[in-house]
Amino acid sequence: MSDSADQPRSNDITERPRLWRRFAGDDWQAFDALPAAIRRRMHEHAYDAWTVNALMLWRRFRRQTASSARGERRLLNHLEDCERLEFDAFADAYARQWGHALPHRAAAATVLRY
C-alpha cells in the first residue's frame, strides 16, 4: 500500500482508512472492467467502494470459483459484508465521540437504494 500522501484527497470521515487497504490504480478503468451487476451495486454502496480493490477481488473470486457467475455473487456478498462492517465501525466511532447512538442507527433506518 502506498502511504496516504499518494492517495487522492477525500472528504471521507469514516473509519475506512483504519479498516481497509486501498490499492492504487485508475478508478474509472477498473469500474468499466467490472460486470454490470457489480457496477450497479457499487453505485448504490453507502460509501465509495474503491473500484480498483473491487476489480482485484472480482478477478480473484472469478479464478477461485472457476465461474464468472459464482465470482460475481461472491463479490456482491463481500460488498454487502464490507458495507455492514463500515457502517458498524462508523456508528461505534460516532457513539464514542458524541456519547449517544448514531441517529440513523437509533432509528433502525436502512441504507437507501434505488
PDB file of N, CA and C in Angstrom:
ATOM      1  N   MET A   1       0.841  -1.172   0.000  1.00  0.00           N
ATOM      2  CA  MET A   1       0.000   0.000   0.000  1.00  0.00           C
ATOM      3  C   MET A   1       0.884   1.232   0.000  1.00  0.00           C
ATOM      4  N   SER A   2       0.507   2.183  -0.804  1.00  0.00           N
ATOM      5  CA  SER A   2       1.241   3.441  -0.782  1.00  0.00           C
ATOM      6  C   SER A   2       0.767   4.254   0.411  1.00  0.00           C
ATOM      7  N   ASP A   3       1.604   5.161   0.856  1.00  0.00           N
ATOM      8  CA  ASP A   3       1.205   5.919   2.040  1.00  0.00           C
ATOM      9  C   ASP A   3       0.124   6.927   1.674  1.00  0.00           C
ATOM     10  N   SER A   4      -0.487   7.499   2.681  1.00  0.00           N
ATOM     11  CA  SER A   4      -1.662   8.357   2.485  1.00  0.00           C
ATOM     12  C   SER A   4      -1.365   9.584   1.632  1.00  0.00           C
ATOM     13  N   ALA A   5      -0.112  10.009   1.553  1.00  0.00           N
ATOM     14  CA  ALA A   5       0.234  11.164   0.732  1.00  0.00           C
ATOM     15  C   ALA A   5      -0.011  10.874  -0.742  1.00  0.00           C
ATOM     16  N   ASP A   6       0.069   9.604  -1.138  1.00  0.00           N
ATOM     17  CA  ASP A   6      -0.153   9.214  -2.521  1.00  0.00           C
ATOM     18  C   ASP A   6      -1.625   9.013  -2.848  1.00  0.00           C
ATOM     19  N   GLN A   7      -2.468   8.954  -1.837  1.00  0.00           N
ATOM     20  CA  GLN A   7      -3.887   8.704  -2.048  1.00  0.00           C
ATOM     21  C   GLN A   7      -4.606   9.988  -2.432  1.00  0.00           C
ATOM     22  N   PRO A   8      -5.672   9.873  -3.248  1.00  0.00           N
ATOM     23  CA  PRO A   8      -6.427  11.071  -3.598  1.00  0.00           C
ATOM     24  C   PRO A   8      -7.055  11.692  -2.350  1.00  0.00           C
ATOM     25  N   ARG A   9      -7.174  12.997  -2.365  1.00  0.00           N
ATOM     26  CA  ARG A   9      -7.813  13.676  -1.240  1.00  0.00           C
ATOM     27  C   ARG A   9      -9.287  13.296  -1.205  1.00  0.00           C
ATOM     28  N   SER A  10      -9.829  13.246  -0.019  1.00  0.00           N
ATOM     29  CA  SER A  10     -11.204  12.800   0.130  1.00  0.00           C
ATOM     30  C   SER A  10     -11.845  13.501   1.315  1.00  0.00           C
ATOM     31  N   ASN A  11     -13.149  13.584   1.282  1.00  0.00           N
ATOM     32  CA  ASN A  11     -13.871  14.112   2.437  1.00  0.00           C
ATOM     33  C   ASN A  11     -14.417  12.964   3.281  1.00  0.00           C
ATOM     34  N   ASP A  12     -13.886  11.791   3.094  1.00  0.00           N
ATOM     35  CA  ASP A  12     -14.306  10.597   3.825  1.00  0.00           C
ATOM     36  C   ASP A  12     -13.901  10.726   5.285  1.00  0.00           C
ATOM     37  N   ILE A  13     -14.879  10.751   6.174  1.00  0.00           N
ATOM     38  CA  ILE A  13     -14.596  10.870   7.612  1.00  0.00           C
ATOM     39  C   ILE A  13     -14.971   9.594   8.351  1.00  0.00           C
ATOM     40  N   THR A  14     -15.068   8.499   7.609  1.00  0.00           N
ATOM     41  CA  THR A  14     -15.437   7.228   8.215  1.00  0.00           C
ATOM     42  C   THR A  14     -14.211   6.541   8.795  1.00  0.00           C
ATOM     43  N   GLU A  15     -14.414   5.340   9.252  1.00  0.00           N
ATOM     44  CA  GLU A  15     -13.335   4.527   9.812  1.00  0.00           C
ATOM     45  C   GLU A  15     -12.616   3.716   8.737  1.00  0.00           C
ATOM     46  N   ARG A  16     -12.913   3.964   7.481  1.00  0.00           N
ATOM     47  CA  ARG A  16     -12.387   3.159   6.385  1.00  0.00           C
ATOM     48  C   ARG A  16     -10.863   3.062   6.355  1.00  0.00           C
ATOM     49  N   PRO A  17     -10.128   4.156   6.497  1.00  0.00           N
ATOM     50  CA  PRO A  17      -8.665   4.022   6.425  1.00  0.00           C
ATOM     51  C   PRO A  17      -8.096   3.098   7.512  1.00  0.00           C
ATOM     52  N   ARG A  18      -8.778   3.001   8.627  1.00  0.00           N
ATOM     53  CA  ARG A  18      -8.344   2.109   9.699  1.00  0.00           C
ATOM     54  C   ARG A  18      -8.705   0.656   9.384  1.00  0.00           C
ATOM     55  N   LEU A  19      -9.797   0.443   8.645  1.00  0.00           N
ATOM     56  CA  LEU A  19     -10.298  -0.899   8.380  1.00  0.00           C
ATOM     57  C   LEU A  19      -9.689  -1.564   7.143  1.00  0.00           C
ATOM     58  N   TRP A  20      -9.507  -0.786   6.089  1.00  0.00           N
ATOM     59  CA  TRP A  20      -9.173  -1.356   4.791  1.00  0.00           C
ATOM     60  C   TRP A  20      -7.894  -0.780   4.219  1.00  0.00           C
ATOM     61  N   ARG A  21      -7.397  -1.453   3.232  1.00  0.00           N
ATOM     62  CA  ARG A  21      -6.225  -1.014   2.479  1.00  0.00           C
ATOM     63  C   ARG A  21      -6.695  -0.676   1.068  1.00  0.00           C
ATOM     64  N   ARG A  22      -6.417   0.521   0.613  1.00  0.00           N
ATOM     65  CA  ARG A  22      -6.836   0.936  -0.722  1.00  0.00           C
ATOM     66  C   ARG A  22      -5.678   0.795  -1.700  1.00  0.00           C
ATOM     67  N   PHE A  23      -5.932   0.104  -2.788  1.00  0.00           N
ATOM     68  CA  PHE A  23      -4.909  -0.092  -3.804  1.00  0.00           C
ATOM     69  C   PHE A  23      -4.987   1.023  -4.837  1.00  0.00           C
ATOM     70  N   ALA A  24      -3.830   1.401  -5.357  1.00  0.00           N
ATOM     71  CA  ALA A  24      -3.753   2.473  -6.349  1.00  0.00           C
ATOM     72  C   ALA A  24      -4.126   1.945  -7.723  1.00  0.00           C
ATOM     73  N   GLY A  25      -4.631   2.825  -8.543  1.00  0.00           N
ATOM     74  CA  GLY A  25      -4.973   2.467  -9.915  1.00  0.00           C
ATOM     75  C   GLY A  25      -5.996   3.438 -10.467  1.00  0.00           C
ATOM     76  N   ASP A  26      -6.374   3.224 -11.705  1.00  0.00           N
ATOM     77  CA  ASP A  26      -7.357   4.064 -12.383  1.00  0.00           C
ATOM     78  C   ASP A  26      -8.762   3.609 -11.996  1.00  0.00           C
ATOM     79  N   ASP A  27      -9.443   4.394 -11.175  1.00  0.00           N
ATOM     80  CA  ASP A  27     -10.768   4.028 -10.682  1.00  0.00           C
ATOM     81  C   ASP A  27     -11.781   3.839 -11.809  1.00  0.00           C
ATOM     82  N   TRP A  28     -11.764   4.723 -12.800  1.00  0.00           N
ATOM     83  CA  TRP A  28     -12.743   4.627 -13.892  1.00  0.00           C
ATOM     84  C   TRP A  28     -12.493   3.417 -14.762  1.00  0.00           C
ATOM     85  N   GLN A  29     -11.250   3.139 -15.064  1.00  0.00           N
ATOM     86  CA  GLN A  29     -10.917   1.969 -15.874  1.00  0.00           C
ATOM     87  C   GLN A  29     -11.335   0.693 -15.134  1.00  0.00           C
ATOM     88  N   ALA A  30     -11.072   0.646 -13.837  1.00  0.00           N
ATOM     89  CA  ALA A  30     -11.463  -0.520 -13.039  1.00  0.00           C
ATOM     90  C   ALA A  30     -12.981  -0.665 -13.018  1.00  0.00           C
ATOM     91  N   PHE A  31     -13.694   0.436 -12.845  1.00  0.00           N
ATOM     92  CA  PHE A  31     -15.161   0.395 -12.819  1.00  0.00           C
ATOM     93  C   PHE A  31     -15.700  -0.155 -14.136  1.00  0.00           C
ATOM     94  N   ASP A  32     -15.166   0.316 -15.236  1.00  0.00           N
ATOM     95  CA  ASP A  32     -15.633  -0.137 -16.552  1.00  0.00           C
ATOM     96  C   ASP A  32     -15.357  -1.619 -16.789  1.00  0.00           C
ATOM     97  N   ALA A  33     -14.344  -2.184 -16.145  1.00  0.00           N
ATOM     98  CA  ALA A  33     -13.986  -3.585 -16.340  1.00  0.00           C
ATOM     99  C   ALA A  33     -14.845  -4.545 -15.513  1.00  0.00           C
ATOM    100  N   LEU A  34     -15.642  -4.025 -14.603  1.00  0.00           N
ATOM    101  CA  LEU A  34     -16.473  -4.877 -13.749  1.00  0.00           C
ATOM    102  C   LEU A  34     -17.788  -5.241 -14.438  1.00  0.00           C
ATOM    103  N   PRO A  35     -18.378  -6.385 -14.078  1.00  0.00           N
ATOM    104  CA  PRO A  35     -19.688  -6.755 -14.620  1.00  0.00           C
ATOM    105  C   PRO A  35     -20.762  -5.744 -14.195  1.00  0.00           C
ATOM    106  N   ALA A  36     -21.808  -5.658 -14.987  1.00  0.00           N
ATOM    107  CA  ALA A  36     -22.873  -4.669 -14.760  1.00  0.00           C
ATOM    108  C   ALA A  36     -23.503  -4.774 -13.367  1.00  0.00           C
ATOM    109  N   ALA A  37     -23.752  -5.985 -12.881  1.00  0.00           N
ATOM    110  CA  ALA A  37     -24.393  -6.146 -11.564  1.00  0.00           C
ATOM    111  C   ALA A  37     -23.503  -5.593 -10.451  1.00  0.00           C
ATOM    112  N   ILE A  38     -22.219  -5.768 -10.581  1.00  0.00           N
ATOM    113  CA  ILE A  38     -21.295  -5.261  -9.564  1.00  0.00           C
ATOM    114  C   ILE A  38     -21.198  -3.744  -9.658  1.00  0.00           C
ATOM    115  N   ARG A  39     -21.150  -3.200 -10.871  1.00  0.00           N
ATOM    116  CA  ARG A  39     -21.129  -1.740 -11.035  1.00  0.00           C
ATOM    117  C   ARG A  39     -22.386  -1.123 -10.423  1.00  0.00           C
ATOM    118  N   ARG A  40     -23.538  -1.748 -10.658  1.00  0.00           N
ATOM    119  CA  ARG A  40     -24.793  -1.236 -10.106  1.00  0.00           C
ATOM    120  C   ARG A  40     -24.756  -1.254  -8.565  1.00  0.00           C
ATOM    121  N   ARG A  41     -24.268  -2.353  -7.989  1.00  0.00           N
ATOM    122  CA  ARG A  41     -24.201  -2.463  -6.521  1.00  0.00           C
ATOM    123  C   ARG A  41     -23.224  -1.450  -5.941  1.00  0.00           C
ATOM    124  N   MET A  42     -22.106  -1.237  -6.630  1.00  0.00           N
ATOM    125  CA  MET A  42     -21.130  -0.265  -6.149  1.00  0.00           C
ATOM    126  C   MET A  42     -21.704   1.147  -6.214  1.00  0.00           C
ATOM    127  N   HIS A  43     -22.511   1.406  -7.217  1.00  0.00           N
ATOM    128  CA  HIS A  43     -23.169   2.705  -7.343  1.00  0.00           C
ATOM    129  C   HIS A  43     -24.108   2.948  -6.163  1.00  0.00           C
ATOM    130  N   GLU A  44     -24.724   1.895  -5.649  1.00  0.00           N
ATOM    131  CA  GLU A  44     -25.659   2.003  -4.536  1.00  0.00           C
ATOM    132  C   GLU A  44     -24.990   1.885  -3.169  1.00  0.00           C
ATOM    133  N   HIS A  45     -23.709   1.552  -3.140  1.00  0.00           N
ATOM    134  CA  HIS A  45     -22.976   1.356  -1.881  1.00  0.00           C
ATOM    135  C   HIS A  45     -23.020   2.640  -1.059  1.00  0.00           C
ATOM    136  N   ALA A  46     -23.159   2.516   0.231  1.00  0.00           N
ATOM    137  CA  ALA A  46     -23.251   3.690   1.103  1.00  0.00           C
ATOM    138  C   ALA A  46     -21.940   4.484   1.134  1.00  0.00           C
ATOM    139  N   TYR A  47     -20.838   3.855   0.818  1.00  0.00           N
ATOM    140  CA  TYR A  47     -19.536   4.501   0.794  1.00  0.00           C
ATOM    141  C   TYR A  47     -18.905   4.272  -0.571  1.00  0.00           C
ATOM    142  N   ASP A  48     -17.826   4.960  -0.855  1.00  0.00           N
ATOM    143  CA  ASP A  48     -17.055   4.713  -2.078  1.00  0.00           C
ATOM    144  C   ASP A  48     -16.482   3.308  -1.974  1.00  0.00           C
ATOM    145  N   ALA A  49     -16.891   2.447  -2.847  1.00  0.00           N
ATOM    146  CA  ALA A  49     -16.493   1.031  -2.754  1.00  0.00           C
ATOM    147  C   ALA A  49     -15.105   0.745  -3.329  1.00  0.00           C
ATOM    148  N   TRP A  50     -14.373   1.768  -3.732  1.00  0.00           N
ATOM    149  CA  TRP A  50     -12.999   1.617  -4.198  1.00  0.00           C
ATOM    150  C   TRP A  50     -12.914   0.606  -5.344  1.00  0.00           C
ATOM    151  N   THR A  51     -13.136   1.062  -6.536  1.00  0.00           N
ATOM    152  CA  THR A  51     -13.261   0.190  -7.691  1.00  0.00           C
ATOM    153  C   THR A  51     -12.012  -0.631  -8.005  1.00  0.00           C
ATOM    154  N   VAL A  52     -10.845  -0.082  -7.756  1.00  0.00           N
ATOM    155  CA  VAL A  52      -9.620  -0.849  -8.026  1.00  0.00           C
ATOM    156  C   VAL A  52      -9.583  -2.075  -7.118  1.00  0.00           C
ATOM    157  N   ASN A  53      -9.916  -1.898  -5.851  1.00  0.00           N
ATOM    158  CA  ASN A  53      -9.975  -3.036  -4.931  1.00  0.00           C
ATOM    159  C   ASN A  53     -11.020  -4.048  -5.398  1.00  0.00           C
ATOM    160  N   ALA A  54     -12.181  -3.545  -5.814  1.00  0.00           N
ATOM    161  CA  ALA A  54     -13.258  -4.437  -6.259  1.00  0.00           C
ATOM    162  C   ALA A  54     -12.837  -5.234  -7.488  1.00  0.00           C
ATOM    163  N   LEU A  55     -12.146  -4.601  -8.420  1.00  0.00           N
ATOM    164  CA  LEU A  55     -11.696  -5.319  -9.616  1.00  0.00           C
ATOM    165  C   LEU A  55     -10.687  -6.399  -9.248  1.00  0.00           C
ATOM    166  N   MET A  56      -9.796  -6.082  -8.338  1.00  0.00           N
ATOM    167  CA  MET A  56      -8.827  -7.094  -7.901  1.00  0.00           C
ATOM    168  C   MET A  56      -9.550  -8.296  -7.284  1.00  0.00           C
ATOM    169  N   LEU A  57     -10.545  -8.017  -6.445  1.00  0.00           N
ATOM    170  CA  LEU A  57     -11.304  -9.103  -5.823  1.00  0.00           C
ATOM    171  C   LEU A  57     -12.122  -9.871  -6.852  1.00  0.00           C
ATOM    172  N   TRP A  58     -12.738  -9.151  -7.786  1.00  0.00           N
ATOM    173  CA  TRP A  58     -13.526  -9.804  -8.833  1.00  0.00           C
ATOM    174  C   TRP A  58     -12.665 -10.814  -9.592  1.00  0.00           C
ATOM    175  N   ARG A  59     -11.460 -10.409  -9.975  1.00  0.00           N
ATOM    176  CA  ARG A  59     -10.565 -11.309 -10.700  1.00  0.00           C
ATOM    177  C   ARG A  59     -10.170 -12.507  -9.840  1.00  0.00           C
ATOM    178  N   ARG A  60      -9.906 -12.254  -8.573  1.00  0.00           N
ATOM    179  CA  ARG A  60      -9.529 -13.347  -7.667  1.00  0.00           C
ATOM    180  C   ARG A  60     -10.694 -14.313  -7.467  1.00  0.00           C
ATOM    181  N   PHE A  61     -11.874 -13.780  -7.190  1.00  0.00           N
ATOM    182  CA  PHE A  61     -13.035 -14.645  -6.956  1.00  0.00           C
ATOM    183  C   PHE A  61     -13.404 -15.431  -8.215  1.00  0.00           C
ATOM    184  N   ARG A  62     -13.291 -14.814  -9.357  1.00  0.00           N
ATOM    185  CA  ARG A  62     -13.605 -15.499 -10.618  1.00  0.00           C
ATOM    186  C   ARG A  62     -12.644 -16.668 -10.842  1.00  0.00           C
ATOM    187  N   ARG A  63     -11.361 -16.439 -10.535  1.00  0.00           N
ATOM    188  CA  ARG A  63     -10.365 -17.519 -10.647  1.00  0.00           C
ATOM    189  C   ARG A  63     -10.634 -18.628  -9.639  1.00  0.00           C
ATOM    190  N   GLN A  64     -10.900 -18.245  -8.393  1.00  0.00           N
ATOM    191  CA  GLN A  64     -11.092 -19.238  -7.332  1.00  0.00           C
ATOM    192  C   GLN A  64     -12.333 -20.096  -7.551  1.00  0.00           C
ATOM    193  N   THR A  65     -13.384 -19.481  -8.061  1.00  0.00           N
ATOM    194  CA  THR A  65     -14.635 -20.224  -8.245  1.00  0.00           C
ATOM    195  C   THR A  65     -14.733 -20.863  -9.625  1.00  0.00           C
ATOM    196  N   ALA A  66     -13.815 -20.505 -10.529  1.00  0.00           N
ATOM    197  CA  ALA A  66     -13.823 -21.005 -11.912  1.00  0.00           C
ATOM    198  C   ALA A  66     -15.151 -20.715 -12.595  1.00  0.00           C
ATOM    199  N   SER A  67     -15.786 -19.615 -12.186  1.00  0.00           N
ATOM    200  CA  SER A  67     -17.077 -19.254 -12.768  1.00  0.00           C
ATOM    201  C   SER A  67     -17.290 -17.757 -12.604  1.00  0.00           C
ATOM    202  N   SER A  68     -17.634 -17.095 -13.699  1.00  0.00           N
ATOM    203  CA  SER A  68     -17.930 -15.662 -13.612  1.00  0.00           C
ATOM    204  C   SER A  68     -19.154 -15.410 -12.737  1.00  0.00           C
ATOM    205  N   ALA A  69     -20.180 -16.237 -12.881  1.00  0.00           N
ATOM    206  CA  ALA A  69     -21.418 -16.039 -12.109  1.00  0.00           C
ATOM    207  C   ALA A  69     -21.179 -16.233 -10.613  1.00  0.00           C
ATOM    208  N   ARG A  70     -20.459 -17.286 -10.247  1.00  0.00           N
ATOM    209  CA  ARG A  70     -20.177 -17.519  -8.817  1.00  0.00           C
ATOM    210  C   ARG A  70     -19.241 -16.456  -8.269  1.00  0.00           C
ATOM    211  N   GLY A  71     -18.260 -16.037  -9.069  1.00  0.00           N
ATOM    212  CA  GLY A  71     -17.357 -14.971  -8.640  1.00  0.00           C
ATOM    213  C   GLY A  71     -18.098 -13.670  -8.424  1.00  0.00           C
ATOM    214  N   GLU A  72     -19.047 -13.385  -9.318  1.00  0.00           N
ATOM    215  CA  GLU A  72     -19.861 -12.173  -9.193  1.00  0.00           C
ATOM    216  C   GLU A  72     -20.699 -12.222  -7.922  1.00  0.00           C
ATOM    217  N   ARG A  73     -21.363 -13.340  -7.664  1.00  0.00           N
ATOM    218  CA  ARG A  73     -22.192 -13.485  -6.457  1.00  0.00           C
ATOM    219  C   ARG A  73     -21.327 -13.337  -5.200  1.00  0.00           C
ATOM    220  N   ARG A  74     -20.141 -13.921  -5.239  1.00  0.00           N
ATOM    221  CA  ARG A  74     -19.240 -13.837  -4.082  1.00  0.00           C
ATOM    222  C   ARG A  74     -18.818 -12.390  -3.829  1.00  0.00           C
ATOM    223  N   LEU A  75     -18.518 -11.648  -4.888  1.00  0.00           N
ATOM    224  CA  LEU A  75     -18.128 -10.252  -4.712  1.00  0.00           C
ATOM    225  C   LEU A  75     -19.310  -9.416  -4.228  1.00  0.00           C
ATOM    226  N   LEU A  76     -20.496  -9.675  -4.739  1.00  0.00           N
ATOM    227  CA  LEU A  76     -21.678  -8.944  -4.252  1.00  0.00           C
ATOM    228  C   LEU A  76     -21.892  -9.197  -2.761  1.00  0.00           C
ATOM    229  N   ASN A  77     -21.742 -10.429  -2.329  1.00  0.00           N
ATOM    230  CA  ASN A  77     -21.851 -10.746  -0.895  1.00  0.00           C
ATOM    231  C   ASN A  77     -20.761 -10.048  -0.093  1.00  0.00           C
ATOM    232  N   HIS A  78     -19.560 -10.025  -0.645  1.00  0.00           N
ATOM    233  CA  HIS A  78     -18.433  -9.365   0.026  1.00  0.00           C
ATOM    234  C   HIS A  78     -18.706  -7.863   0.187  1.00  0.00           C
ATOM    235  N   LEU A  79     -19.239  -7.238  -0.856  1.00  0.00           N
ATOM    236  CA  LEU A  79     -19.570  -5.808  -0.769  1.00  0.00           C
ATOM    237  C   LEU A  79     -20.620  -5.555   0.304  1.00  0.00           C
ATOM    238  N   GLU A  80     -21.603  -6.442   0.410  1.00  0.00           N
ATOM    239  CA  GLU A  80     -22.623  -6.329   1.463  1.00  0.00           C
ATOM    240  C   GLU A  80     -21.972  -6.399   2.841  1.00  0.00           C
ATOM    241  N   ASP A  81     -21.083  -7.369   3.022  1.00  0.00           N
ATOM    242  CA  ASP A  81     -20.395  -7.525   4.311  1.00  0.00           C
ATOM    243  C   ASP A  81     -19.556  -6.298   4.636  1.00  0.00           C
ATOM    244  N   CYS A  82     -18.824  -5.790   3.655  1.00  0.00           N
ATOM    245  CA  CYS A  82     -17.975  -4.613   3.882  1.00  0.00           C
ATOM    246  C   CYS A  82     -18.814  -3.400   4.261  1.00  0.00           C
ATOM    247  N   GLU A  83     -19.919  -3.203   3.570  1.00  0.00           N
ATOM    248  CA  GLU A  83     -20.771  -2.064   3.878  1.00  0.00           C
ATOM    249  C   GLU A  83     -21.293  -2.150   5.313  1.00  0.00           C
ATOM    250  N   ARG A  84     -21.704  -3.340   5.725  1.00  0.00           N
ATOM    251  CA  ARG A  84     -22.195  -3.535   7.098  1.00  0.00           C
ATOM    252  C   ARG A  84     -21.082  -3.278   8.120  1.00  0.00           C
ATOM    253  N   LEU A  85     -19.886  -3.789   7.858  1.00  0.00           N
ATOM    254  CA  LEU A  85     -18.759  -3.574   8.770  1.00  0.00           C
ATOM    255  C   LEU A  85     -18.387  -2.094   8.855  1.00  0.00           C
ATOM    256  N   GLU A  86     -18.396  -1.412   7.723  1.00  0.00           N
ATOM    257  CA  GLU A  86     -18.081   0.016   7.715  1.00  0.00           C
ATOM    258  C   GLU A  86     -19.132   0.814   8.490  1.00  0.00           C
ATOM    259  N   PHE A  87     -20.389   0.471   8.291  1.00  0.00           N
ATOM    260  CA  PHE A  87     -21.458   1.174   8.998  1.00  0.00           C
ATOM    261  C   PHE A  87     -21.334   0.943  10.503  1.00  0.00           C
ATOM    262  N   ASP A  88     -21.069  -0.297  10.898  1.00  0.00           N
ATOM    263  CA  ASP A  88     -20.895  -0.605  12.321  1.00  0.00           C
ATOM    264  C   ASP A  88     -19.722   0.165  12.918  1.00  0.00           C
ATOM    265  N   ALA A  89     -18.601   0.219  12.200  1.00  0.00           N
ATOM    266  CA  ALA A  89     -17.421   0.934  12.697  1.00  0.00           C
ATOM    267  C   ALA A  89     -17.707   2.427  12.812  1.00  0.00           C
ATOM    268  N   PHE A  90     -18.384   2.996  11.827  1.00  0.00           N
ATOM    269  CA  PHE A  90     -18.722   4.420  11.871  1.00  0.00           C
ATOM    270  C   PHE A  90     -19.680   4.709  13.024  1.00  0.00           C
ATOM    271  N   ALA A  91     -20.682   3.853  13.194  1.00  0.00           N
ATOM    272  CA  ALA A  91     -21.648   4.040  14.278  1.00  0.00           C
ATOM    273  C   ALA A  91     -20.970   3.943  15.649  1.00  0.00           C
ATOM    274  N   ASP A  92     -20.040   3.012  15.789  1.00  0.00           N
ATOM    275  CA  ASP A  92     -19.311   2.872  17.058  1.00  0.00           C
ATOM    276  C   ASP A  92     -18.440   4.097  17.329  1.00  0.00           C
ATOM    277  N   ALA A  93     -17.744   4.579  16.310  1.00  0.00           N
ATOM    278  CA  ALA A  93     -16.906   5.774  16.478  1.00  0.00           C
ATOM    279  C   ALA A  93     -17.770   6.989  16.811  1.00  0.00           C
ATOM    280  N   TYR A  94     -18.908   7.103  16.175  1.00  0.00           N
ATOM    281  CA  TYR A  94     -19.833   8.204  16.446  1.00  0.00           C
ATOM    282  C   TYR A  94     -20.291   8.150  17.904  1.00  0.00           C
ATOM    283  N   ALA A  95     -20.670   6.972  18.368  1.00  0.00           N
ATOM    284  CA  ALA A  95     -21.137   6.813  19.751  1.00  0.00           C
ATOM    285  C   ALA A  95     -20.026   7.158  20.749  1.00  0.00           C
ATOM    286  N   ARG A  96     -18.795   6.755  20.460  1.00  0.00           N
ATOM    287  CA  ARG A  96     -17.674   7.102  21.351  1.00  0.00           C
ATOM    288  C   ARG A  96     -17.452   8.611  21.382  1.00  0.00           C
ATOM    289  N   GLN A  97     -17.536   9.253  20.217  1.00  0.00           N
ATOM    290  CA  GLN A  97     -17.271  10.689  20.149  1.00  0.00           C
ATOM    291  C   GLN A  97     -18.395  11.521  20.759  1.00  0.00           C
ATOM    292  N   TRP A  98     -19.641  11.172  20.502  1.00  0.00           N
ATOM    293  CA  TRP A  98     -20.763  12.013  20.897  1.00  0.00           C
ATOM    294  C   TRP A  98     -21.552  11.488  22.086  1.00  0.00           C
ATOM    295  N   GLY A  99     -21.277  10.276  22.530  1.00  0.00           N
ATOM    296  CA  GLY A  99     -21.925   9.753  23.726  1.00  0.00           C
ATOM    297  C   GLY A  99     -23.345   9.247  23.523  1.00  0.00           C
ATOM    298  N   HIS A 100     -23.775   9.122  22.304  1.00  0.00           N
ATOM    299  CA  HIS A 100     -25.090   8.534  22.023  1.00  0.00           C
ATOM    300  C   HIS A 100     -25.055   7.869  20.649  1.00  0.00           C
ATOM    301  N   ALA A 101     -26.085   7.092  20.397  1.00  0.00           N
ATOM    302  CA  ALA A 101     -26.118   6.313  19.153  1.00  0.00           C
ATOM    303  C   ALA A 101     -26.227   7.216  17.926  1.00  0.00           C
ATOM    304  N   LEU A 102     -25.654   6.752  16.851  1.00  0.00           N
ATOM    305  CA  LEU A 102     -25.815   7.405  15.563  1.00  0.00           C
ATOM    306  C   LEU A 102     -27.316   7.474  15.262  1.00  0.00           C
ATOM    307  N   PRO A 103     -27.853   8.640  14.948  1.00  0.00           N
ATOM    308  CA  PRO A 103     -29.305   8.754  14.726  1.00  0.00           C
ATOM    309  C   PRO A 103     -29.855   7.746  13.717  1.00  0.00           C
ATOM    310  N   HIS A 104     -29.108   7.504  12.663  1.00  0.00           N
ATOM    311  CA  HIS A 104     -29.541   6.536  11.656  1.00  0.00           C
ATOM    312  C   HIS A 104     -29.691   5.147  12.280  1.00  0.00           C
ATOM    313  N   ARG A 105     -28.752   4.791  13.142  1.00  0.00           N
ATOM    314  CA  ARG A 105     -28.798   3.501  13.835  1.00  0.00           C
ATOM    315  C   ARG A 105     -29.915   3.488  14.869  1.00  0.00           C
ATOM    316  N   ALA A 106     -30.069   4.577  15.625  1.00  0.00           N
ATOM    317  CA  ALA A 106     -31.118   4.645  16.649  1.00  0.00           C
ATOM    318  C   ALA A 106     -32.508   4.511  16.024  1.00  0.00           C
ATOM    319  N   ALA A 107     -32.668   5.017  14.828  1.00  0.00           N
ATOM    320  CA  ALA A 107     -33.961   4.951  14.140  1.00  0.00           C
ATOM    321  C   ALA A 107     -34.159   3.620  13.412  1.00  0.00           C
ATOM    322  N   ALA A 108     -33.142   2.759  13.461  1.00  0.00           N
ATOM    323  CA  ALA A 108     -33.183   1.485  12.761  1.00  0.00           C
ATOM    324  C   ALA A 108     -33.473   1.677  11.268  1.00  0.00           C
ATOM    325  N   ALA A 109     -32.926   2.754  10.719  1.00  0.00           N
ATOM    326  CA  ALA A 109     -33.113   3.056   9.301  1.00  0.00           C
ATOM    327  C   ALA A 109     -32.218   2.170   8.448  1.00  0.00           C
ATOM    328  N   THR A 110     -32.637   1.940   7.224  1.00  0.00           N
ATOM    329  CA  THR A 110     -31.849   1.145   6.298  1.00  0.00           C
ATOM    330  C   THR A 110     -31.128   2.074   5.329  1.00  0.00           C
ATOM    331  N   VAL A 111     -30.155   1.538   4.628  1.00  0.00           N
ATOM    332  CA  VAL A 111     -29.459   2.303   3.603  1.00  0.00           C
ATOM    333  C   VAL A 111     -30.407   2.456   2.418  1.00  0.00           C
ATOM    334  N   LEU A 112     -30.568   3.669   1.965  1.00  0.00           N
ATOM    335  CA  LEU A 112     -31.464   3.922   0.833  1.00  0.00           C
ATOM    336  C   LEU A 112     -30.815   3.431  -0.451  1.00  0.00           C
ATOM    337  N   ARG A 113     -31.560   2.694  -1.229  1.00  0.00           N
ATOM    338  CA  ARG A 113     -31.097   2.193  -2.512  1.00  0.00           C
ATOM    339  C   ARG A 113     -32.136   2.559  -3.563  1.00  0.00           C
ATOM    340  N   TYR A 114     -31.762   2.403  -4.796  1.00  0.00           N
ATOM    341  CA  TYR A 114     -32.697   2.670  -5.883  1.00  0.00           C
ATOM    342  C   TYR A 114     -33.708   1.589  -6.031  1.00  0.00           C
TER     343      TYR A 114
END
